[in-house]
PDB file of N, CA and C in Angstrom:
ATOM      1  N   UNK A   1      -7.929   6.285   9.472  1.00  0.00           N
ATOM      2  CA  UNK A   1      -6.516   6.495   9.697  1.00  0.00           C
ATOM      3  C   UNK A   1      -6.139   6.006  11.097  1.00  0.00           C
ATOM      4  N   UNK A   2      -5.016   5.372  11.177  1.00  0.00           N
ATOM      5  CA  UNK A   2      -4.485   4.951  12.458  1.00  0.00           C
ATOM      6  C   UNK A   2      -3.184   5.705  12.722  1.00  0.00           C
ATOM      7  N   UNK A   3      -2.833   5.798  13.955  1.00  0.00           N
ATOM      8  CA  UNK A   3      -1.609   6.502  14.354  1.00  0.00           C
ATOM      9  C   UNK A   3      -0.569   5.472  14.776  1.00  0.00           C
ATOM     10  N   UNK A   4       0.616   5.567  14.203  1.00  0.00           N
ATOM     11  CA  UNK A   4       1.721   4.684  14.580  1.00  0.00           C
ATOM     12  C   UNK A   4       2.764   5.505  15.316  1.00  0.00           C
ATOM     13  N   UNK A   5       3.267   4.961  16.407  1.00  0.00           N
ATOM     14  CA  UNK A   5       4.305   5.619  17.186  1.00  0.00           C
ATOM     15  C   UNK A   5       5.595   4.819  17.074  1.00  0.00           C
ATOM     16  N   UNK A   6       6.655   5.487  16.681  1.00  0.00           N
ATOM     17  CA  UNK A   6       7.962   4.857  16.619  1.00  0.00           C
ATOM     18  C   UNK A   6       8.834   5.465  17.710  1.00  0.00           C
ATOM     19  N   UNK A   7       9.523   4.611  18.448  1.00  0.00           N
ATOM     20  CA  UNK A   7      10.403   5.103  19.497  1.00  0.00           C
ATOM     21  C   UNK A   7      11.851   4.832  19.122  1.00  0.00           C
ATOM     22  N   UNK A   8      12.699   5.739  19.519  1.00  0.00           N
ATOM     23  CA  UNK A   8      14.129   5.580  19.289  1.00  0.00           C
ATOM     24  C   UNK A   8      14.867   5.602  20.620  1.00  0.00           C
ATOM     25  N   UNK A   9      15.838   4.727  20.761  1.00  0.00           N
ATOM     26  CA  UNK A   9      16.615   4.606  21.997  1.00  0.00           C
ATOM     27  C   UNK A   9      18.009   5.141  21.706  1.00  0.00           C
ATOM     28  N   UNK A  10      18.381   6.269  22.307  1.00  0.00           N
ATOM     29  CA  UNK A  10      19.608   6.979  21.975  1.00  0.00           C
ATOM     30  C   UNK A  10      20.672   6.924  23.073  1.00  0.00           C
ATOM     31  N   UNK A  11      20.658   5.891  23.897  1.00  0.00           N
ATOM     32  CA  UNK A  11      21.586   5.820  25.019  1.00  0.00           C
ATOM     33  C   UNK A  11      23.037   5.792  24.543  1.00  0.00           C
ATOM     34  N   UNK A  12      23.325   5.040  23.491  1.00  0.00           N
ATOM     35  CA  UNK A  12      24.697   4.932  23.010  1.00  0.00           C
ATOM     36  C   UNK A  12      25.217   6.284  22.521  1.00  0.00           C
ATOM     37  N   UNK A  13      24.412   7.044  21.796  1.00  0.00           N
ATOM     38  CA  UNK A  13      24.866   8.341  21.294  1.00  0.00           C
ATOM     39  C   UNK A  13      25.000   9.364  22.422  1.00  0.00           C
ATOM     40  N   UNK A  14      24.125   9.282  23.429  1.00  0.00           N
ATOM     41  CA  UNK A  14      24.246  10.188  24.577  1.00  0.00           C
ATOM     42  C   UNK A  14      25.519   9.867  25.361  1.00  0.00           C
ATOM     43  N   UNK A  15      25.816   8.581  25.508  1.00  0.00           N
ATOM     44  CA  UNK A  15      27.059   8.188  26.186  1.00  0.00           C
ATOM     45  C   UNK A  15      28.272   8.700  25.419  1.00  0.00           C
ATOM     46  N   UNK A  16      28.248   8.571  24.088  1.00  0.00           N
ATOM     47  CA  UNK A  16      29.379   9.013  23.270  1.00  0.00           C
ATOM     48  C   UNK A  16      29.567  10.526  23.352  1.00  0.00           C
ATOM     49  N   UNK A  17      28.464  11.263  23.434  1.00  0.00           N
ATOM     50  CA  UNK A  17      28.596  12.724  23.538  1.00  0.00           C
ATOM     51  C   UNK A  17      29.182  13.135  24.891  1.00  0.00           C
ATOM     52  N   UNK A  18      29.104  12.259  25.893  1.00  0.00           N
ATOM     53  CA  UNK A  18      29.690  12.530  27.213  1.00  0.00           C
ATOM     54  C   UNK A  18      31.080  11.914  27.361  1.00  0.00           C
ATOM     55  N   UNK A  19      31.582  11.308  26.296  1.00  0.00           N
ATOM     56  CA  UNK A  19      32.916  10.722  26.336  1.00  0.00           C
ATOM     57  C   UNK A  19      32.967   9.327  26.918  1.00  0.00           C
ATOM     58  N   UNK A  20      31.829   8.648  27.007  1.00  0.00           N
ATOM     59  CA  UNK A  20      31.782   7.281  27.525  1.00  0.00           C
ATOM     60  C   UNK A  20      31.546   6.352  26.341  1.00  0.00           C
ATOM     61  N   UNK A  21      32.532   5.516  26.037  1.00  0.00           N
ATOM     62  CA  UNK A  21      32.442   4.653  24.868  1.00  0.00           C
ATOM     63  C   UNK A  21      32.361   3.176  25.224  1.00  0.00           C
ATOM     64  N   UNK A  22      32.515   2.831  26.478  1.00  0.00           N
ATOM     65  CA  UNK A  22      32.448   1.434  26.904  1.00  0.00           C
ATOM     66  C   UNK A  22      31.289   1.256  27.871  1.00  0.00           C
ATOM     67  N   UNK A  23      30.575   0.133  27.712  1.00  0.00           N
ATOM     68  CA  UNK A  23      29.444  -0.134  28.597  1.00  0.00           C
ATOM     69  C   UNK A  23      29.911  -0.391  30.024  1.00  0.00           C
ATOM     70  N   UNK A  24      31.154  -0.836  30.193  1.00  0.00           N
ATOM     71  CA  UNK A  24      31.669  -1.105  31.540  1.00  0.00           C
ATOM     72  C   UNK A  24      31.863   0.187  32.339  1.00  0.00           C
ATOM     73  N   UNK A  25      31.960   1.316  31.669  1.00  0.00           N
ATOM     74  CA  UNK A  25      32.103   2.604  32.364  1.00  0.00           C
ATOM     75  C   UNK A  25      30.768   3.107  32.905  1.00  0.00           C
ATOM     76  N   UNK A  26      29.668   2.608  32.357  1.00  0.00           N
ATOM     77  CA  UNK A  26      28.345   3.060  32.795  1.00  0.00           C
ATOM     78  C   UNK A  26      27.895   2.365  34.077  1.00  0.00           C
ATOM     79  N   UNK A  27      28.318   1.133  34.266  1.00  0.00           N
ATOM     80  CA  UNK A  27      27.882   0.359  35.433  1.00  0.00           C
ATOM     81  C   UNK A  27      28.225   1.021  36.767  1.00  0.00           C
ATOM     82  N   UNK A  28      29.461   1.528  36.987  1.00  0.00           N
ATOM     83  CA  UNK A  28      29.752   2.190  38.268  1.00  0.00           C
ATOM     84  C   UNK A  28      28.935   3.463  38.472  1.00  0.00           C
ATOM     85  N   UNK A  29      28.635   4.171  37.377  1.00  0.00           N
ATOM     86  CA  UNK A  29      27.811   5.383  37.497  1.00  0.00           C
ATOM     87  C   UNK A  29      26.405   5.044  37.986  1.00  0.00           C
ATOM     88  N   UNK A  30      25.877   3.922  37.509  1.00  0.00           N
ATOM     89  CA  UNK A  30      24.547   3.496  37.957  1.00  0.00           C
ATOM     90  C   UNK A  30      24.590   2.987  39.388  1.00  0.00           C
ATOM     91  N   UNK A  31      25.665   2.299  39.766  1.00  0.00           N
ATOM     92  CA  UNK A  31      25.783   1.786  41.134  1.00  0.00           C
ATOM     93  C   UNK A  31      25.885   2.919  42.147  1.00  0.00           C
ATOM     94  N   UNK A  32      26.514   4.029  41.770  1.00  0.00           N
ATOM     95  CA  UNK A  32      26.576   5.197  42.657  1.00  0.00           C
ATOM     96  C   UNK A  32      25.187   5.738  42.965  1.00  0.00           C
ATOM     97  N   UNK A  33      24.258   5.498  42.070  1.00  0.00           N
ATOM     98  CA  UNK A  33      22.894   6.004  42.230  1.00  0.00           C
ATOM     99  C   UNK A  33      21.929   4.922  42.711  1.00  0.00           C
ATOM    100  N   UNK A  34      22.456   3.809  43.189  1.00  0.00           N
ATOM    101  CA  UNK A  34      21.636   2.769  43.795  1.00  0.00           C
ATOM    102  C   UNK A  34      21.033   1.780  42.831  1.00  0.00           C
ATOM    103  N   UNK A  35      21.499   1.737  41.597  1.00  0.00           N
ATOM    104  CA  UNK A  35      20.974   0.807  40.601  1.00  0.00           C
ATOM    105  C   UNK A  35      22.003  -0.296  40.388  1.00  0.00           C
ATOM    106  N   UNK A  36      21.660  -1.491  40.788  1.00  0.00           N
ATOM    107  CA  UNK A  36      22.561  -2.625  40.641  1.00  0.00           C
ATOM    108  C   UNK A  36      22.166  -3.489  39.468  1.00  0.00           C
ATOM    109  N   UNK A  37      22.797  -3.278  38.326  1.00  0.00           N
ATOM    110  CA  UNK A  37      22.549  -4.093  37.141  1.00  0.00           C
ATOM    111  C   UNK A  37      23.789  -4.923  36.844  1.00  0.00           C
ATOM    112  N   UNK A  38      23.575  -6.104  36.297  1.00  0.00           N
ATOM    113  CA  UNK A  38      24.715  -6.953  35.930  1.00  0.00           C
ATOM    114  C   UNK A  38      25.399  -6.387  34.686  1.00  0.00           C
ATOM    115  N   UNK A  39      26.568  -6.918  34.408  1.00  0.00           N
ATOM    116  CA  UNK A  39      27.320  -6.478  33.232  1.00  0.00           C
ATOM    117  C   UNK A  39      26.533  -6.744  31.953  1.00  0.00           C
ATOM    118  N   UNK A  40      25.849  -7.888  31.893  1.00  0.00           N
ATOM    119  CA  UNK A  40      25.055  -8.252  30.722  1.00  0.00           C
ATOM    120  C   UNK A  40      23.842  -7.336  30.566  1.00  0.00           C
ATOM    121  N   UNK A  41      23.204  -6.997  31.685  1.00  0.00           N
ATOM    122  CA  UNK A  41      22.044  -6.117  31.620  1.00  0.00           C
ATOM    123  C   UNK A  41      22.428  -4.726  31.121  1.00  0.00           C
ATOM    124  N   UNK A  42      23.551  -4.207  31.578  1.00  0.00           N
ATOM    125  CA  UNK A  42      24.005  -2.892  31.118  1.00  0.00           C
ATOM    126  C   UNK A  42      24.351  -2.956  29.638  1.00  0.00           C
ATOM    127  N   UNK A  43      24.990  -4.025  29.204  1.00  0.00           N
ATOM    128  CA  UNK A  43      25.336  -4.180  27.795  1.00  0.00           C
ATOM    129  C   UNK A  43      24.082  -4.190  26.928  1.00  0.00           C
ATOM    130  N   UNK A  44      23.068  -4.974  27.327  1.00  0.00           N
ATOM    131  CA  UNK A  44      21.817  -5.025  26.566  1.00  0.00           C
ATOM    132  C   UNK A  44      21.105  -3.685  26.577  1.00  0.00           C
ATOM    133  N   UNK A  45      21.154  -2.982  27.699  1.00  0.00           N
ATOM    134  CA  UNK A  45      20.506  -1.676  27.807  1.00  0.00           C
ATOM    135  C   UNK A  45      21.122  -0.682  26.830  1.00  0.00           C
ATOM    136  N   UNK A  46      22.422  -0.785  26.610  1.00  0.00           N
ATOM    137  CA  UNK A  46      23.109   0.142  25.713  1.00  0.00           C
ATOM    138  C   UNK A  46      22.957  -0.273  24.253  1.00  0.00           C
ATOM    139  N   UNK A  47      23.047  -1.555  23.957  1.00  0.00           N
ATOM    140  CA  UNK A  47      23.117  -2.002  22.566  1.00  0.00           C
ATOM    141  C   UNK A  47      21.768  -2.299  21.924  1.00  0.00           C
ATOM    142  N   UNK A  48      20.747  -2.573  22.718  1.00  0.00           N
ATOM    143  CA  UNK A  48      19.436  -2.922  22.157  1.00  0.00           C
ATOM    144  C   UNK A  48      18.361  -2.008  22.719  1.00  0.00           C
ATOM    145  N   UNK A  49      17.404  -1.607  21.897  1.00  0.00           N
ATOM    146  CA  UNK A  49      16.297  -0.812  22.435  1.00  0.00           C
ATOM    147  C   UNK A  49      15.458  -1.667  23.396  1.00  0.00           C
ATOM    148  N   UNK A  50      15.296  -1.241  24.631  1.00  0.00           N
ATOM    149  CA  UNK A  50      14.538  -2.050  25.591  1.00  0.00           C
ATOM    150  C   UNK A  50      13.032  -1.945  25.346  1.00  0.00           C
ATOM    151  N   UNK A  51      12.315  -3.006  25.683  1.00  0.00           N
ATOM    152  CA  UNK A  51      10.856  -2.985  25.600  1.00  0.00           C
ATOM    153  C   UNK A  51      10.247  -2.246  26.785  1.00  0.00           C
ATOM    154  N   UNK A  52      10.880  -2.372  27.932  1.00  0.00           N
ATOM    155  CA  UNK A  52      10.425  -1.657  29.133  1.00  0.00           C
ATOM    156  C   UNK A  52      11.639  -1.364  30.007  1.00  0.00           C
ATOM    157  N   UNK A  53      11.583  -0.226  30.674  1.00  0.00           N
ATOM    158  CA  UNK A  53      12.669   0.209  31.539  1.00  0.00           C
ATOM    159  C   UNK A  53      12.042   0.745  32.820  1.00  0.00           C
ATOM    160  N   UNK A  54      12.601   0.373  33.952  1.00  0.00           N
ATOM    161  CA  UNK A  54      12.102   0.885  35.226  1.00  0.00           C
ATOM    162  C   UNK A  54      12.384   2.381  35.318  1.00  0.00           C
ATOM    163  N   UNK A  55      11.497   3.091  35.987  1.00  0.00           N
ATOM    164  CA  UNK A  55      11.649   4.539  36.122  1.00  0.00           C
ATOM    165  C   UNK A  55      12.890   4.921  36.905  1.00  0.00           C
ATOM    166  N   UNK A  56      13.247   4.131  37.916  1.00  0.00           N
ATOM    167  CA  UNK A  56      14.451   4.472  38.674  1.00  0.00           C
ATOM    168  C   UNK A  56      15.718   4.293  37.834  1.00  0.00           C
ATOM    169  N   UNK A  57      15.707   3.356  36.889  1.00  0.00           N
ATOM    170  CA  UNK A  57      16.848   3.190  35.985  1.00  0.00           C
ATOM    171  C   UNK A  57      16.922   4.382  35.037  1.00  0.00           C
ATOM    172  N   UNK A  58      15.779   4.811  34.507  1.00  0.00           N
ATOM    173  CA  UNK A  58      15.765   5.993  33.638  1.00  0.00           C
ATOM    174  C   UNK A  58      16.254   7.232  34.377  1.00  0.00           C
ATOM    175  N   UNK A  59      15.792   7.404  35.607  1.00  0.00           N
ATOM    176  CA  UNK A  59      16.213   8.564  36.396  1.00  0.00           C
ATOM    177  C   UNK A  59      17.714   8.516  36.664  1.00  0.00           C
ATOM    178  N   UNK A  60      18.254   7.329  36.963  1.00  0.00           N
ATOM    179  CA  UNK A  60      19.684   7.204  37.215  1.00  0.00           C
ATOM    180  C   UNK A  60      20.493   7.466  35.946  1.00  0.00           C
ATOM    181  N   UNK A  61      20.003   6.998  34.811  1.00  0.00           N
ATOM    182  CA  UNK A  61      20.691   7.264  33.540  1.00  0.00           C
ATOM    183  C   UNK A  61      20.728   8.756  33.237  1.00  0.00           C
ATOM    184  N   UNK A  62      19.591   9.418  33.412  1.00  0.00           N
ATOM    185  CA  UNK A  62      19.524  10.863  33.149  1.00  0.00           C
ATOM    186  C   UNK A  62      20.443  11.629  34.096  1.00  0.00           C
ATOM    187  N   UNK A  63      20.503  11.225  35.354  1.00  0.00           N
ATOM    188  CA  UNK A  63      21.356  11.913  36.316  1.00  0.00           C
ATOM    189  C   UNK A  63      22.834  11.643  36.037  1.00  0.00           C
ATOM    190  N   UNK A  64      23.182  10.399  35.746  1.00  0.00           N
ATOM    191  CA  UNK A  64      24.583  10.045  35.518  1.00  0.00           C
ATOM    192  C   UNK A  64      25.131  10.690  34.248  1.00  0.00           C
ATOM    193  N   UNK A  65      24.288  10.782  33.214  1.00  0.00           N
ATOM    194  CA  UNK A  65      24.743  11.330  31.938  1.00  0.00           C
ATOM    195  C   UNK A  65      24.401  12.816  31.792  1.00  0.00           C
ATOM    196  N   UNK A  66      23.772  13.372  32.814  1.00  0.00           N
ATOM    197  CA  UNK A  66      23.374  14.785  32.809  1.00  0.00           C
ATOM    198  C   UNK A  66      22.603  15.136  31.546  1.00  0.00           C
ATOM    199  N   UNK A  67      21.530  14.389  31.324  1.00  0.00           N
ATOM    200  CA  UNK A  67      20.690  14.613  30.150  1.00  0.00           C
ATOM    201  C   UNK A  67      19.232  14.523  30.577  1.00  0.00           C
ATOM    202  N   UNK A  68      18.343  14.782  29.659  1.00  0.00           N
ATOM    203  CA  UNK A  68      16.915  14.678  29.947  1.00  0.00           C
ATOM    204  C   UNK A  68      16.362  13.404  29.304  1.00  0.00           C
ATOM    205  N   UNK A  69      15.147  13.081  29.638  1.00  0.00           N
ATOM    206  CA  UNK A  69      14.494  11.906  29.073  1.00  0.00           C
ATOM    207  C   UNK A  69      14.317  12.067  27.562  1.00  0.00           C
ATOM    208  N   UNK A  70      14.113  13.305  27.106  1.00  0.00           N
ATOM    209  CA  UNK A  70      13.977  13.565  25.673  1.00  0.00           C
ATOM    210  C   UNK A  70      15.260  13.245  24.915  1.00  0.00           C
ATOM    211  N   UNK A  71      16.403  13.336  25.578  1.00  0.00           N
ATOM    212  CA  UNK A  71      17.660  12.986  24.929  1.00  0.00           C
ATOM    213  C   UNK A  71      17.791  11.469  24.761  1.00  0.00           C
ATOM    214  N   UNK A  72      17.270  10.714  25.719  1.00  0.00           N
ATOM    215  CA  UNK A  72      17.381   9.253  25.669  1.00  0.00           C
ATOM    216  C   UNK A  72      16.352   8.608  24.747  1.00  0.00           C
ATOM    217  N   UNK A  73      15.126   9.118  24.774  1.00  0.00           N
ATOM    218  CA  UNK A  73      14.033   8.499  24.026  1.00  0.00           C
ATOM    219  C   UNK A  73      13.446   9.518  23.058  1.00  0.00           C
ATOM    220  N   UNK A  74      13.352   9.144  21.792  1.00  0.00           N
ATOM    221  CA  UNK A  74      12.668   9.982  20.812  1.00  0.00           C
ATOM    222  C   UNK A  74      11.421   9.255  20.342  1.00  0.00           C
ATOM    223  N   UNK A  75      10.347  10.008  20.194  1.00  0.00           N
ATOM    224  CA  UNK A  75       9.070   9.439  19.764  1.00  0.00           C
ATOM    225  C   UNK A  75       8.647  10.143  18.480  1.00  0.00           C
ATOM    226  N   UNK A  76       8.376   9.360  17.449  1.00  0.00           N
ATOM    227  CA  UNK A  76       7.926   9.889  16.175  1.00  0.00           C
ATOM    228  C   UNK A  76       6.506   9.419  15.929  1.00  0.00           C
ATOM    229  N   UNK A  77       5.622  10.357  15.643  1.00  0.00           N
ATOM    230  CA  UNK A  77       4.206  10.049  15.404  1.00  0.00           C
ATOM    231  C   UNK A  77       3.957  10.073  13.907  1.00  0.00           C
ATOM    232  N   UNK A  78       3.269   9.034  13.409  1.00  0.00           N
ATOM    233  CA  UNK A  78       2.985   8.925  11.994  1.00  0.00           C
ATOM    234  C   UNK A  78       1.551   8.463  11.799  1.00  0.00           C
ATOM    235  N   UNK A  79       0.846   9.068  10.853  1.00  0.00           N
ATOM    236  CA  UNK A  79      -0.497   8.606  10.534  1.00  0.00           C
ATOM    237  C   UNK A  79      -0.402   7.634   9.375  1.00  0.00           C
ATOM    238  N   UNK A  80      -1.048   6.497   9.532  1.00  0.00           N
ATOM    239  CA  UNK A  80      -0.993   5.454   8.514  1.00  0.00           C
ATOM    240  C   UNK A  80      -2.413   5.060   8.135  1.00  0.00           C
ATOM    241  N   UNK A  81      -2.560   4.616   6.910  1.00  0.00           N
ATOM    242  CA  UNK A  81      -3.866   4.155   6.449  1.00  0.00           C
ATOM    243  C   UNK A  81      -4.195   2.833   7.119  1.00  0.00           C
ATOM    244  N   UNK A  82      -5.473   2.596   7.331  1.00  0.00           N
ATOM    245  CA  UNK A  82      -5.913   1.342   7.927  1.00  0.00           C
ATOM    246  C   UNK A  82      -5.613   0.198   6.973  1.00  0.00           C
ATOM    247  N   UNK A  83      -5.192  -0.936   7.480  1.00  0.00           N
ATOM    248  CA  UNK A  83      -4.875  -2.059   6.603  1.00  0.00           C
ATOM    249  C   UNK A  83      -6.118  -2.576   5.891  1.00  0.00           C
ATOM    250  N   UNK A  84      -5.933  -3.020   4.658  1.00  0.00           N
ATOM    251  CA  UNK A  84      -7.034  -3.546   3.854  1.00  0.00           C
ATOM    252  C   UNK A  84      -6.950  -5.062   3.880  1.00  0.00           C
ATOM    253  N   UNK A  85      -8.094  -5.687   4.105  1.00  0.00           N
ATOM    254  CA  UNK A  85      -8.131  -7.144   4.166  1.00  0.00           C
ATOM    255  C   UNK A  85      -7.879  -7.730   2.782  1.00  0.00           C
ATOM    256  N   UNK A  86      -7.408  -8.953   2.736  1.00  0.00           N
ATOM    257  CA  UNK A  86      -7.120  -9.619   1.474  1.00  0.00           C
ATOM    258  C   UNK A  86      -8.416  -9.805   0.701  1.00  0.00           C
ATOM    259  N   UNK A  87      -8.399  -9.438  -0.561  1.00  0.00           N
ATOM    260  CA  UNK A  87      -9.571  -9.602  -1.409  1.00  0.00           C
ATOM    261  C   UNK A  87     -10.579  -8.484  -1.277  1.00  0.00           C
ATOM    262  N   UNK A  88     -10.304  -7.500  -0.480  1.00  0.00           N
ATOM    263  CA  UNK A  88     -11.238  -6.406  -0.273  1.00  0.00           C
ATOM    264  C   UNK A  88     -10.715  -5.170  -0.990  1.00  0.00           C
ATOM    265  N   UNK A  89     -11.608  -4.497  -1.685  1.00  0.00           N
ATOM    266  CA  UNK A  89     -11.218  -3.267  -2.357  1.00  0.00           C
ATOM    267  C   UNK A  89     -11.395  -2.115  -1.390  1.00  0.00           C
ATOM    268  N   UNK A  90     -10.606  -1.072  -1.587  1.00  0.00           N
ATOM    269  CA  UNK A  90     -10.638   0.066  -0.669  1.00  0.00           C
ATOM    270  C   UNK A  90     -11.922   0.867  -0.794  1.00  0.00           C
ATOM    271  N   UNK A  91     -12.556   0.875  -1.986  1.00  0.00           N
ATOM    272  CA  UNK A  91     -13.733   1.728  -2.184  1.00  0.00           C
ATOM    273  C   UNK A  91     -15.047   1.019  -1.903  1.00  0.00           C
ATOM    274  N   UNK A  92     -15.056  -0.294  -1.848  1.00  0.00           N
ATOM    275  CA  UNK A  92     -16.300  -1.017  -1.652  1.00  0.00           C
ATOM    276  C   UNK A  92     -16.730  -0.931  -0.192  1.00  0.00           C
ATOM    277  N   UNK A  93     -17.941  -0.448   0.058  1.00  0.00           N
ATOM    278  CA  UNK A  93     -18.416  -0.297   1.420  1.00  0.00           C
ATOM    279  C   UNK A  93     -19.264  -1.464   1.883  1.00  0.00           C
ATOM    280  N   UNK A  94     -20.147  -1.994   1.004  1.00  0.00           N
ATOM    281  CA  UNK A  94     -21.008  -3.104   1.393  1.00  0.00           C
ATOM    282  C   UNK A  94     -20.828  -4.245   0.405  1.00  0.00           C
ATOM    283  N   UNK A  95     -21.479  -5.362   0.677  1.00  0.00           N
ATOM    284  CA  UNK A  95     -21.295  -6.511  -0.200  1.00  0.00           C
ATOM    285  C   UNK A  95     -22.172  -6.418  -1.445  1.00  0.00           C
ATOM    286  N   UNK A  96     -23.171  -5.555  -1.446  1.00  0.00           N
ATOM    287  CA  UNK A  96     -23.976  -5.281  -2.641  1.00  0.00           C
ATOM    288  C   UNK A  96     -24.537  -6.530  -3.268  1.00  0.00           C
ATOM    289  N   UNK A  97     -24.197  -6.774  -4.547  1.00  0.00           N
ATOM    290  CA  UNK A  97     -24.753  -7.912  -5.280  1.00  0.00           C
ATOM    291  C   UNK A  97     -23.873  -9.159  -5.169  1.00  0.00           C
ATOM    292  N   UNK A  98     -23.059  -9.224  -4.149  1.00  0.00           N
ATOM    293  CA  UNK A  98     -22.208 -10.393  -3.958  1.00  0.00           C
ATOM    294  C   UNK A  98     -22.870 -11.454  -3.094  1.00  0.00           C
ATOM    295  N   UNK A  99     -24.154 -11.307  -2.900  1.00  0.00           N
ATOM    296  CA  UNK A  99     -24.858 -12.305  -2.096  1.00  0.00           C
ATOM    297  C   UNK A  99     -24.966 -13.618  -2.883  1.00  0.00           C
ATOM    298  N   UNK A 100     -24.989 -14.749  -2.182  1.00  0.00           N
ATOM    299  CA  UNK A 100     -25.084 -16.034  -2.876  1.00  0.00           C
ATOM    300  C   UNK A 100     -26.451 -16.218  -3.526  1.00  0.00           C
ATOM    301  N   UNK A 101     -26.455 -17.006  -4.587  1.00  0.00           N
ATOM    302  CA  UNK A 101     -27.702 -17.315  -5.283  1.00  0.00           C
ATOM    303  C   UNK A 101     -28.458 -18.345  -4.468  1.00  0.00           C
ATOM    304  N   UNK A 102     -29.756 -18.110  -4.324  1.00  0.00           N
ATOM    305  CA  UNK A 102     -30.576 -19.016  -3.522  1.00  0.00           C
ATOM    306  C   UNK A 102     -30.701 -20.356  -4.243  1.00  0.00           C
ATOM    307  N   UNK A 103     -30.521 -21.414  -3.496  1.00  0.00           N
ATOM    308  CA  UNK A 103     -30.588 -22.762  -4.067  1.00  0.00           C
ATOM    309  C   UNK A 103     -32.036 -23.179  -4.258  1.00  0.00           C
ATOM    310  N   UNK A 104     -32.291 -23.943  -5.317  1.00  0.00           N
ATOM    311  CA  UNK A 104     -33.625 -24.512  -5.530  1.00  0.00           C
ATOM    312  C   UNK A 104     -33.509 -26.029  -5.399  1.00  0.00           C
ATOM    313  N   UNK A 105     -34.498 -26.607  -4.761  1.00  0.00           N
ATOM    314  CA  UNK A 105     -34.483 -28.051  -4.535  1.00  0.00           C
ATOM    315  C   UNK A 105     -35.489 -28.677  -5.495  1.00  0.00           C
ATOM    316  N   UNK A 106     -35.041 -29.644  -6.249  1.00  0.00           N
ATOM    317  CA  UNK A 106     -35.904 -30.308  -7.215  1.00  0.00           C
ATOM    318  C   UNK A 106     -36.033 -31.774  -6.815  1.00  0.00           C
ATOM    319  N   UNK A 107     -37.213 -32.298  -7.054  1.00  0.00           N
ATOM    320  CA  UNK A 107     -37.444 -33.716  -6.778  1.00  0.00           C
ATOM    321  C   UNK A 107     -36.836 -34.546  -7.887  1.00  0.00           C
ATOM    322  N   UNK A 108     -36.315 -35.677  -7.496  1.00  0.00           N
ATOM    323  CA  UNK A 108     -35.758 -36.536  -8.548  1.00  0.00           C
ATOM    324  C   UNK A 108     -36.853 -37.097  -9.433  1.00  0.00           C
ATOM    325  N   UNK A 109     -36.524 -37.343 -10.674  1.00  0.00           N
ATOM    326  CA  UNK A 109     -37.494 -37.900 -11.608  1.00  0.00           C
ATOM    327  C   UNK A 109     -37.723 -39.377 -11.291  1.00  0.00           C
ATOM    328  N   UNK A 110     -38.952 -39.757 -11.388  1.00  0.00           N
ATOM    329  CA  UNK A 110     -39.285 -41.167 -11.150  1.00  0.00           C
ATOM    330  C   UNK A 110     -39.487 -41.843 -12.480  1.00  0.00           C
ATOM    331  N   UNK A 111     -39.112 -43.104 -12.598  1.00  0.00           N
ATOM    332  CA  UNK A 111     -39.250 -43.830 -13.850  1.00  0.00           C
ATOM    333  C   UNK A 111     -40.419 -44.720 -13.870  1.00  0.00           C
TER     334      UNK A 111
END
């Protein structure tokens, strides 16, 4: 069994619960806390789940929106079965009798 982790980015819903519906309203809140992001960066931060976020940006978001990190990021843990290779059965453990047949070499007939 393998463990899969799914993350959810809830910045837009946290902003909406605080009455902030435009990404342009978030930029001044971040600038007050020393985070200088461009308009495009703030838009991407709100509309798309980021692959990585600096800790100071996370701290500024939590402070500006008066929320915790758990409100911004949700993590779901799931156990999944290990992937099965193509042509492999799930119950077969060894190759057993699937070994190749040994070749025999014969001399050509002479006339």
